[in-house]
Amino acid sequence: MVVSVCPAANVVDPVEDVWELLVQPSNYDRWADAHLERSVPEGPAVPGQISYATSKALGKQWDVTFVVKSINPDRHQLEFDVTLPFGIIDHVTITCTPVDAVSCQVQYG
């Protein structure tokens, strides 16, 4: 079964600040319900990078894997696959669009 959602929110931060938060795997704890264990290769997101993380729910710790599929800094767009427990794979595209000098819209879908 395929489920498709595309939430969006306006964020009161410049697009470049939000973009920097999204492309640094060490920041995943700040916006995803996942604690980063390690990334291969280390550093900012690049196509093919695999980030291994854990998430806690239902009194258990679960493995979560992020695989960067593509990154487009000019469009502030990041695509990755997230492997979750129970064989769930989330194909994600995050796009940041400037609204003005101090805010942007972040779309997750």
Protein backbone atom coordinates (compact mmCIF):
# COMPACT_ATOMS: atom_id res chain seq x y z
CA MET A 1 0.00 0.00 0.00
CA VAL A 2 1.28 3.48 -0.86
CA VAL A 3 0.46 6.49 1.29
CA SER A 4 1.42 9.96 0.09
CA VAL A 5 1.40 13.10 2.22
CA CYS A 6 3.11 16.42 1.73
CA PRO A 7 3.01 18.62 4.83
CA ALA A 8 4.42 22.13 4.67
CA ALA A 9 5.17 24.80 7.26
CA ASN A 10 6.43 28.34 7.29
CA VAL A 11 9.56 28.71 9.39
CA VAL A 12 10.82 32.00 10.81
CA ASP A 13 14.43 31.46 9.85
CA PRO A 14 16.30 32.31 6.65
CA VAL A 15 16.30 29.55 4.05
CA GLU A 16 20.10 29.15 4.29
CA ASP A 17 19.91 28.48 8.05
CA VAL A 18 17.19 25.86 7.62
CA TRP A 19 19.05 24.29 4.71
CA GLU A 20 22.22 23.98 6.81
CA LEU A 21 20.20 22.24 9.53
CA LEU A 22 18.78 19.73 7.02
CA VAL A 23 22.00 18.76 5.24
CA GLN A 24 24.03 18.05 8.38
CA PRO A 25 23.29 14.51 9.61
CA SER A 26 24.54 15.53 13.06
CA ASN A 27 21.41 17.73 13.24
CA TYR A 28 18.91 14.92 12.56
CA ASP A 29 18.14 14.81 16.30
CA ARG A 30 16.82 18.37 15.98
CA TRP A 31 14.21 17.73 13.29
CA ALA A 32 13.70 13.98 13.00
CA ASP A 33 12.78 11.57 15.74
CA ALA A 34 16.16 9.88 15.36
CA HIS A 35 19.49 9.92 17.15
CA LEU A 36 22.42 9.74 14.72
CA GLU A 37 24.88 6.91 15.39
CA ARG A 38 27.15 7.46 12.36
CA SER A 39 27.21 8.54 8.72
CA VAL A 40 29.22 7.04 5.86
CA PRO A 41 30.86 9.15 4.58
CA GLU A 42 30.93 11.62 7.46
CA GLY A 43 30.07 15.26 6.87
CA PRO A 44 27.30 17.10 5.06
CA ALA A 45 24.77 15.18 2.98
CA VAL A 46 25.99 13.87 -0.38
CA PRO A 47 24.34 11.41 -2.76
CA GLY A 48 24.93 7.86 -1.56
CA GLN A 49 25.60 8.86 2.04
CA ILE A 50 24.10 6.43 4.56
CA SER A 51 23.26 7.65 8.04
CA TYR A 52 22.54 5.09 10.73
CA ALA A 53 20.30 6.25 13.57
CA THR A 54 18.06 4.98 16.34
CA SER A 55 14.63 6.07 17.46
CA LYS A 56 12.72 5.26 20.62
CA ALA A 57 9.04 4.28 20.67
CA LEU A 58 6.85 1.84 22.58
CA GLY A 59 9.61 1.37 25.16
CA LYS A 60 12.06 0.07 22.54
CA GLN A 61 14.95 1.39 20.53
CA TRP A 62 14.57 0.98 16.76
CA ASP A 63 17.12 1.17 13.94
CA VAL A 64 16.52 3.81 11.28
CA THR A 65 18.60 4.34 8.13
CA PHE A 66 18.72 7.46 5.93
CA VAL A 67 20.14 7.10 2.40
CA VAL A 68 20.67 10.35 0.50
CA LYS A 69 19.42 9.92 -3.08
CA SER A 70 20.06 13.43 -4.40
CA ILE A 71 20.76 16.94 -3.23
CA ASN A 72 20.15 20.19 -5.07
CA PRO A 73 21.62 23.13 -3.13
CA ASP A 74 20.37 25.69 -5.68
CA ARG A 75 16.74 24.60 -5.12
CA HIS A 76 17.35 23.74 -1.44
CA GLN A 77 16.05 20.25 -2.12
CA LEU A 78 17.12 17.01 -0.46
CA GLU A 79 15.87 13.55 -1.42
CA PHE A 80 16.45 10.46 0.67
CA ASP A 81 14.99 7.09 1.56
CA VAL A 82 14.36 6.35 5.21
CA THR A 83 14.19 2.69 6.25
CA LEU A 84 12.03 2.29 9.34
CA PRO A 85 11.05 -0.74 11.45
CA PHE A 86 8.72 -3.38 10.04
CA GLY A 87 10.06 -2.94 6.49
CA ILE A 88 8.63 0.54 6.02
CA ILE A 89 10.52 2.70 3.53
CA ASP A 90 9.75 6.41 3.31
CA HIS A 91 10.79 8.10 0.05
CA VAL A 92 11.27 11.72 1.13
CA THR A 93 11.82 15.01 -0.65
CA ILE A 94 12.37 18.08 1.51
CA THR A 95 12.25 21.44 -0.24
CA CYS A 96 12.96 24.82 1.36
CA THR A 97 11.59 27.86 -0.45
CA PRO A 98 12.43 31.40 0.65
CA VAL A 99 9.43 33.51 1.62
CA ASP A 100 11.45 36.61 2.45
CA ALA A 101 14.86 37.41 3.98
CA VAL A 102 13.95 36.01 7.39
CA SER A 103 11.58 33.10 6.68
CA CYS A 104 11.01 30.15 4.39
CA GLN A 105 8.53 27.40 3.66
CA VAL A 106 9.64 23.82 4.31
CA GLN A 107 7.79 21.10 2.43
CA TYR A 108 8.21 17.44 3.36
CA GLY A 109 6.84 14.88 1.01
